[in-house]
Amino acid sequence: MNAILRPWQAGDAEALAEVYKRADEALLINIPDDRTIAGARTWLETITDAEAASDLCARAIVGDADRSGRRILGHVMASGIERRHSSAWISYWSVAEARGQGLVSAALRSFVDLLHDELGIYRLELGYRVNNPASAAVARNAGFIVEGREREKLLYDGIRYDTEVCARLSGDPRHRGPRIPFDPPR
């Protein structure tokens, strides 16, 4: 599947609302509660404003579509960027049809390179539910190392889930797997 990484744009609201509409259970826990086009616009404004303030860095994973140009396949983001200690919290998601192809892993490897090399962020952290092997594989395939378990950290529909917490340091060996190009090119 051909894809690029690019900054989110205000014009993505309609495509993002369509992603929300088609979201499966795995994606629903990773997207805002307001899944209308207005909610998509609000989320995009929040992301672009925070990015302009250097509080986060987010990229859309965009793939080829038929006649409509490009379509949203996923998202990678570094939030909670902390300058004093040079760290950030990583999150990612993808639409169901983009899973299982290594797409998010490739996007995250590219994104990690950007964060370490161009934004100078030393420590990247993320967490996933221990019952989510796909998310664990994305993290592992992008060079993240498990540092520990947080017992009953997350609560979804009245059920508590343990999480594994991972990190990647700028000096850690780079994963040699494929990467997704940036648009516009870096």
C-alpha atoms as a PDB file:
ATOM      1  CA  MET A   1       0.000   0.000   0.000  1.00  0.00           C
ATOM      2  CA  ASN A   2       1.524   3.332  -1.053  1.00  0.00           C
ATOM      3  CA  ALA A   3       1.447   5.973   1.645  1.00  0.00           C
ATOM      4  CA  ILE A   4       3.044   9.221   2.763  1.00  0.00           C
ATOM      5  CA  LEU A   5       3.354  11.020   6.076  1.00  0.00           C
ATOM      6  CA  ARG A   6       2.260  14.632   6.087  1.00  0.00           C
ATOM      7  CA  PRO A   7       1.047  17.258   8.528  1.00  0.00           C
ATOM      8  CA  TRP A   8      -2.664  17.299   9.253  1.00  0.00           C
ATOM      9  CA  GLN A   9      -4.536  20.013   7.356  1.00  0.00           C
ATOM     10  CA  ALA A  10      -7.822  21.824   7.985  1.00  0.00           C
ATOM     11  CA  GLY A  11      -9.119  20.313   4.741  1.00  0.00           C
ATOM     12  CA  ASP A  12      -8.824  16.813   6.250  1.00  0.00           C
ATOM     13  CA  ALA A  13     -11.992  17.249   8.347  1.00  0.00           C
ATOM     14  CA  GLU A  14     -14.337  15.491   5.928  1.00  0.00           C
ATOM     15  CA  ALA A  15     -11.976  12.542   5.400  1.00  0.00           C
ATOM     16  CA  LEU A  16     -11.364  12.295   9.143  1.00  0.00           C
ATOM     17  CA  ALA A  17     -15.114  12.314   9.866  1.00  0.00           C
ATOM     18  CA  GLU A  18     -15.417   9.447   7.373  1.00  0.00           C
ATOM     19  CA  VAL A  19     -12.707   7.548   9.269  1.00  0.00           C
ATOM     20  CA  TYR A  20     -14.685   8.151  12.468  1.00  0.00           C
ATOM     21  CA  LYS A  21     -17.862   6.862  10.820  1.00  0.00           C
ATOM     22  CA  ARG A  22     -16.190   3.607   9.727  1.00  0.00           C
ATOM     23  CA  ALA A  23     -14.206   3.110  12.958  1.00  0.00           C
ATOM     24  CA  ASP A  24     -14.109  -0.385  14.397  1.00  0.00           C
ATOM     25  CA  GLU A  25     -13.790  -1.214  18.092  1.00  0.00           C
ATOM     26  CA  ALA A  26      -9.974  -1.044  18.032  1.00  0.00           C
ATOM     27  CA  LEU A  27     -10.048   2.483  16.623  1.00  0.00           C
ATOM     28  CA  LEU A  28     -12.949   3.812  18.699  1.00  0.00           C
ATOM     29  CA  ILE A  29     -10.852   3.946  21.880  1.00  0.00           C
ATOM     30  CA  ASN A  30      -8.238   6.082  20.109  1.00  0.00           C
ATOM     31  CA  ILE A  31     -10.408   8.804  18.601  1.00  0.00           C
ATOM     32  CA  PRO A  32     -12.404  11.697  20.106  1.00  0.00           C
ATOM     33  CA  ASP A  33     -15.916  11.172  21.445  1.00  0.00           C
ATOM     34  CA  ASP A  34     -17.330  13.793  19.067  1.00  0.00           C
ATOM     35  CA  ARG A  35     -17.121  11.904  15.782  1.00  0.00           C
ATOM     36  CA  THR A  36     -19.041  14.414  13.671  1.00  0.00           C
ATOM     37  CA  ILE A  37     -17.468  16.600  11.009  1.00  0.00           C
ATOM     38  CA  ALA A  38     -17.582  19.442  13.564  1.00  0.00           C
ATOM     39  CA  GLY A  39     -15.708  17.196  16.005  1.00  0.00           C
ATOM     40  CA  ALA A  40     -13.149  16.377  13.315  1.00  0.00           C
ATOM     41  CA  ARG A  41     -12.659  20.105  12.642  1.00  0.00           C
ATOM     42  CA  THR A  42     -12.235  20.798  16.351  1.00  0.00           C
ATOM     43  CA  TRP A  43      -9.686  17.990  16.700  1.00  0.00           C
ATOM     44  CA  LEU A  44      -7.740  19.238  13.677  1.00  0.00           C
ATOM     45  CA  GLU A  45      -7.721  22.801  15.028  1.00  0.00           C
ATOM     46  CA  THR A  46      -6.474  21.549  18.393  1.00  0.00           C
ATOM     47  CA  ILE A  47      -3.718  19.511  16.741  1.00  0.00           C
ATOM     48  CA  THR A  48      -2.568  22.244  14.350  1.00  0.00           C
ATOM     49  CA  ASP A  49      -2.625  24.916  17.105  1.00  0.00           C
ATOM     50  CA  ALA A  50      -0.611  22.699  19.465  1.00  0.00           C
ATOM     51  CA  GLU A  51       1.824  21.893  16.691  1.00  0.00           C
ATOM     52  CA  ALA A  52       2.266  25.601  15.906  1.00  0.00           C
ATOM     53  CA  ALA A  53       3.074  26.120  19.605  1.00  0.00           C
ATOM     54  CA  SER A  54       5.615  23.233  19.459  1.00  0.00           C
ATOM     55  CA  ASP A  55       3.645  21.282  22.069  1.00  0.00           C
ATOM     56  CA  LEU A  56       3.227  18.275  19.803  1.00  0.00           C
ATOM     57  CA  CYS A  57       4.088  16.869  16.406  1.00  0.00           C
ATOM     58  CA  ALA A  58       1.474  14.936  14.456  1.00  0.00           C
ATOM     59  CA  ARG A  59       1.399  13.390  11.021  1.00  0.00           C
ATOM     60  CA  ALA A  60      -1.368  11.807   9.003  1.00  0.00           C
ATOM     61  CA  ILE A  61      -0.652   8.537   7.252  1.00  0.00           C
ATOM     62  CA  VAL A  62      -2.203   9.150   3.861  1.00  0.00           C
ATOM     63  CA  GLY A  63      -2.612   6.596   1.104  1.00  0.00           C
ATOM     64  CA  ASP A  64      -3.637   6.599  -2.512  1.00  0.00           C
ATOM     65  CA  ALA A  65      -7.344   6.543  -3.163  1.00  0.00           C
ATOM     66  CA  ASP A  66      -9.301   5.980  -6.322  1.00  0.00           C
ATOM     67  CA  ARG A  67     -10.686   9.191  -7.816  1.00  0.00           C
ATOM     68  CA  SER A  68     -10.722  11.195  -4.595  1.00  0.00           C
ATOM     69  CA  GLY A  69      -6.974  11.762  -4.429  1.00  0.00           C
ATOM     70  CA  ARG A  70      -5.714  10.591  -1.054  1.00  0.00           C
ATOM     71  CA  ARG A  71      -7.334   9.016   1.986  1.00  0.00           C
ATOM     72  CA  ILE A  72      -6.488   8.912   5.676  1.00  0.00           C
ATOM     73  CA  LEU A  73      -5.080   5.533   6.710  1.00  0.00           C
ATOM     74  CA  GLY A  74      -3.752   6.428  10.136  1.00  0.00           C
ATOM     75  CA  HIS A  75      -1.982   8.810  12.437  1.00  0.00           C
ATOM     76  CA  VAL A  76       1.244   9.106  14.450  1.00  0.00           C
ATOM     77  CA  MET A  77       1.752  11.747  17.118  1.00  0.00           C
ATOM     78  CA  ALA A  78       4.237  12.920  19.720  1.00  0.00           C
ATOM     79  CA  SER A  79       2.388  14.793  22.458  1.00  0.00           C
ATOM     80  CA  GLY A  80       3.453  16.086  25.835  1.00  0.00           C
ATOM     81  CA  ILE A  81       6.708  17.292  24.342  1.00  0.00           C
ATOM     82  CA  GLU A  82       8.817  18.223  27.337  1.00  0.00           C
ATOM     83  CA  ARG A  83      11.794  20.381  26.392  1.00  0.00           C
ATOM     84  CA  ARG A  84      13.715  20.378  29.690  1.00  0.00           C
ATOM     85  CA  HIS A  85      14.109  16.601  29.747  1.00  0.00           C
ATOM     86  CA  SER A  86      13.718  16.170  25.969  1.00  0.00           C
ATOM     87  CA  SER A  87      10.921  13.620  25.984  1.00  0.00           C
ATOM     88  CA  ALA A  88       7.553  13.011  24.329  1.00  0.00           C
ATOM     89  CA  TRP A  89       4.641  10.574  24.455  1.00  0.00           C
ATOM     90  CA  ILE A  90       3.939   8.628  21.248  1.00  0.00           C
ATOM     91  CA  SER A  91       0.568   7.452  20.010  1.00  0.00           C
ATOM     92  CA  TYR A  92      -0.670   5.941  16.763  1.00  0.00           C
ATOM     93  CA  TRP A  93      -3.727   4.428  15.113  1.00  0.00           C
ATOM     94  CA  SER A  94      -4.820   3.096  11.757  1.00  0.00           C
ATOM     95  CA  VAL A  95      -8.018   2.258   9.957  1.00  0.00           C
ATOM     96  CA  ALA A  96      -8.909  -1.438   9.848  1.00  0.00           C
ATOM     97  CA  GLU A  97      -8.038  -1.948   6.162  1.00  0.00           C
ATOM     98  CA  ALA A  98      -4.501  -0.608   6.720  1.00  0.00           C
ATOM     99  CA  ARG A  99      -3.629  -3.029   9.527  1.00  0.00           C
ATOM    100  CA  GLY A 100      -1.445  -6.094   9.231  1.00  0.00           C
ATOM    101  CA  GLN A 101       0.698  -4.723   6.399  1.00  0.00           C
ATOM    102  CA  GLY A 102       3.498  -3.076   8.368  1.00  0.00           C
ATOM    103  CA  LEU A 103       2.198   0.366   7.410  1.00  0.00           C
ATOM    104  CA  VAL A 104       2.031   1.852  10.914  1.00  0.00           C
ATOM    105  CA  SER A 105       5.399   0.339  11.843  1.00  0.00           C
ATOM    106  CA  ALA A 106       6.967   1.935   8.754  1.00  0.00           C
ATOM    107  CA  ALA A 107       5.260   5.251   9.521  1.00  0.00           C
ATOM    108  CA  LEU A 108       6.419   5.146  13.133  1.00  0.00           C
ATOM    109  CA  ARG A 109      10.026   4.392  12.095  1.00  0.00           C
ATOM    110  CA  SER A 110       9.980   7.468   9.826  1.00  0.00           C
ATOM    111  CA  PHE A 111       8.345   9.539  12.529  1.00  0.00           C
ATOM    112  CA  VAL A 112      10.892   8.412  15.158  1.00  0.00           C
ATOM    113  CA  ASP A 113      13.713   9.498  12.830  1.00  0.00           C
ATOM    114  CA  LEU A 114      12.074  12.934  12.489  1.00  0.00           C
ATOM    115  CA  LEU A 115      11.611  13.315  16.246  1.00  0.00           C
ATOM    116  CA  HIS A 116      15.145  12.240  17.142  1.00  0.00           C
ATOM    117  CA  ASP A 117      17.086  13.762  14.255  1.00  0.00           C
ATOM    118  CA  GLU A 118      15.225  16.955  13.382  1.00  0.00           C
ATOM    119  CA  LEU A 119      13.342  17.873  16.528  1.00  0.00           C
ATOM    120  CA  GLY A 120      16.104  16.692  18.859  1.00  0.00           C
ATOM    121  CA  ILE A 121      13.819  14.762  21.210  1.00  0.00           C
ATOM    122  CA  TYR A 122      15.957  12.306  23.152  1.00  0.00           C
ATOM    123  CA  ARG A 123      13.412  10.007  24.839  1.00  0.00           C
ATOM    124  CA  LEU A 124      10.201   8.776  23.224  1.00  0.00           C
ATOM    125  CA  GLU A 125       7.695   6.862  25.338  1.00  0.00           C
ATOM    126  CA  LEU A 126       4.518   4.927  24.594  1.00  0.00           C
ATOM    127  CA  GLY A 127       2.195   2.419  26.182  1.00  0.00           C
ATOM    128  CA  TYR A 128      -0.280  -0.190  24.995  1.00  0.00           C
ATOM    129  CA  ARG A 129      -2.703  -2.645  26.565  1.00  0.00           C
ATOM    130  CA  VAL A 130      -1.042  -6.011  27.137  1.00  0.00           C
ATOM    131  CA  ASN A 131      -3.947  -7.660  25.299  1.00  0.00           C
ATOM    132  CA  ASN A 132      -3.144  -5.690  22.126  1.00  0.00           C
ATOM    133  CA  PRO A 133      -0.412  -7.681  20.333  1.00  0.00           C
ATOM    134  CA  ALA A 134      -0.759  -5.584  17.159  1.00  0.00           C
ATOM    135  CA  SER A 135       0.161  -2.380  18.997  1.00  0.00           C
ATOM    136  CA  ALA A 136       2.999  -4.197  20.759  1.00  0.00           C
ATOM    137  CA  ALA A 137       4.331  -5.316  17.362  1.00  0.00           C
ATOM    138  CA  VAL A 138       4.199  -1.751  15.989  1.00  0.00           C
ATOM    139  CA  ALA A 139       6.211  -0.490  18.971  1.00  0.00           C
ATOM    140  CA  ARG A 140       8.745  -3.334  18.785  1.00  0.00           C
ATOM    141  CA  ASN A 141       9.114  -2.938  14.995  1.00  0.00           C
ATOM    142  CA  ALA A 142       9.938   0.739  15.480  1.00  0.00           C
ATOM    143  CA  GLY A 143      12.675  -0.010  18.014  1.00  0.00           C
ATOM    144  CA  PHE A 144      10.812   0.647  21.267  1.00  0.00           C
ATOM    145  CA  ILE A 145      11.944  -1.409  24.263  1.00  0.00           C
ATOM    146  CA  VAL A 146       9.573  -2.550  27.009  1.00  0.00           C
ATOM    147  CA  GLU A 147      10.511  -0.940  30.315  1.00  0.00           C
ATOM    148  CA  GLY A 148       7.704  -2.164  32.535  1.00  0.00           C
ATOM    149  CA  ARG A 149       4.087  -2.937  33.214  1.00  0.00           C
ATOM    150  CA  GLU A 150       1.468  -0.660  34.721  1.00  0.00           C
ATOM    151  CA  ARG A 151      -1.174  -2.741  36.428  1.00  0.00           C
ATOM    152  CA  GLU A 152      -4.814  -1.879  35.675  1.00  0.00           C
ATOM    153  CA  LYS A 153      -3.825   1.474  34.176  1.00  0.00           C
ATOM    154  CA  LEU A 154      -6.641   1.863  31.632  1.00  0.00           C
ATOM    155  CA  LEU A 155     -10.403   1.615  32.087  1.00  0.00           C
ATOM    156  CA  TYR A 156     -12.647   0.810  29.115  1.00  0.00           C
ATOM    157  CA  ASP A 157     -16.300  -0.140  29.512  1.00  0.00           C
ATOM    158  CA  GLY A 158     -15.842  -0.966  33.183  1.00  0.00           C
ATOM    159  CA  ILE A 159     -12.859  -3.261  32.600  1.00  0.00           C
ATOM    160  CA  ARG A 160      -9.334  -2.426  33.751  1.00  0.00           C
ATOM    161  CA  TYR A 161      -6.345  -3.280  31.557  1.00  0.00           C
ATOM    162  CA  ASP A 162      -2.648  -3.594  32.290  1.00  0.00           C
ATOM    163  CA  THR A 163      -0.319  -1.713  29.972  1.00  0.00           C
ATOM    164  CA  GLU A 164       3.268  -2.172  28.929  1.00  0.00           C
ATOM    165  CA  VAL A 165       5.350   0.981  28.817  1.00  0.00           C
ATOM    166  CA  CYS A 166       8.110   1.279  26.229  1.00  0.00           C
ATOM    167  CA  ALA A 167      10.751   3.823  25.349  1.00  0.00           C
ATOM    168  CA  ARG A 168      13.148   4.589  22.572  1.00  0.00           C
ATOM    169  CA  LEU A 169      16.243   6.723  23.105  1.00  0.00           C
ATOM    170  CA  SER A 170      17.943   8.661  20.352  1.00  0.00           C
ATOM    171  CA  GLY A 171      21.092   6.559  20.823  1.00  0.00           C
ATOM    172  CA  ASP A 172      19.283   3.225  20.493  1.00  0.00           C
ATOM    173  CA  PRO A 173      20.014   1.255  17.304  1.00  0.00           C
ATOM    174  CA  ARG A 174      17.734   2.247  14.435  1.00  0.00           C
ATOM    175  CA  HIS A 175      15.403  -0.396  13.103  1.00  0.00           C
ATOM    176  CA  ARG A 176      16.331  -1.189   9.503  1.00  0.00           C
ATOM    177  CA  GLY A 177      12.797  -1.822   8.264  1.00  0.00           C
ATOM    178  CA  PRO A 178      11.041   0.197   5.564  1.00  0.00           C
ATOM    179  CA  ARG A 179       9.976   3.766   6.115  1.00  0.00           C
ATOM    180  CA  ILE A 180       7.206   5.892   4.683  1.00  0.00           C
ATOM    181  CA  PRO A 181       8.278   9.070   2.875  1.00  0.00           C
ATOM    182  CA  PHE A 182       7.250  12.510   4.060  1.00  0.00           C
ATOM    183  CA  ASP A 183       5.198  14.896   1.978  1.00  0.00           C
ATOM    184  CA  PRO A 184       6.434  17.475   1.551  1.00  0.00           C
ATOM    185  CA  PRO A 185       9.857  15.801   1.622  1.00  0.00           C
ATOM    186  CA  ARG A 186      12.030  16.659   4.599  1.00  0.00           C
END
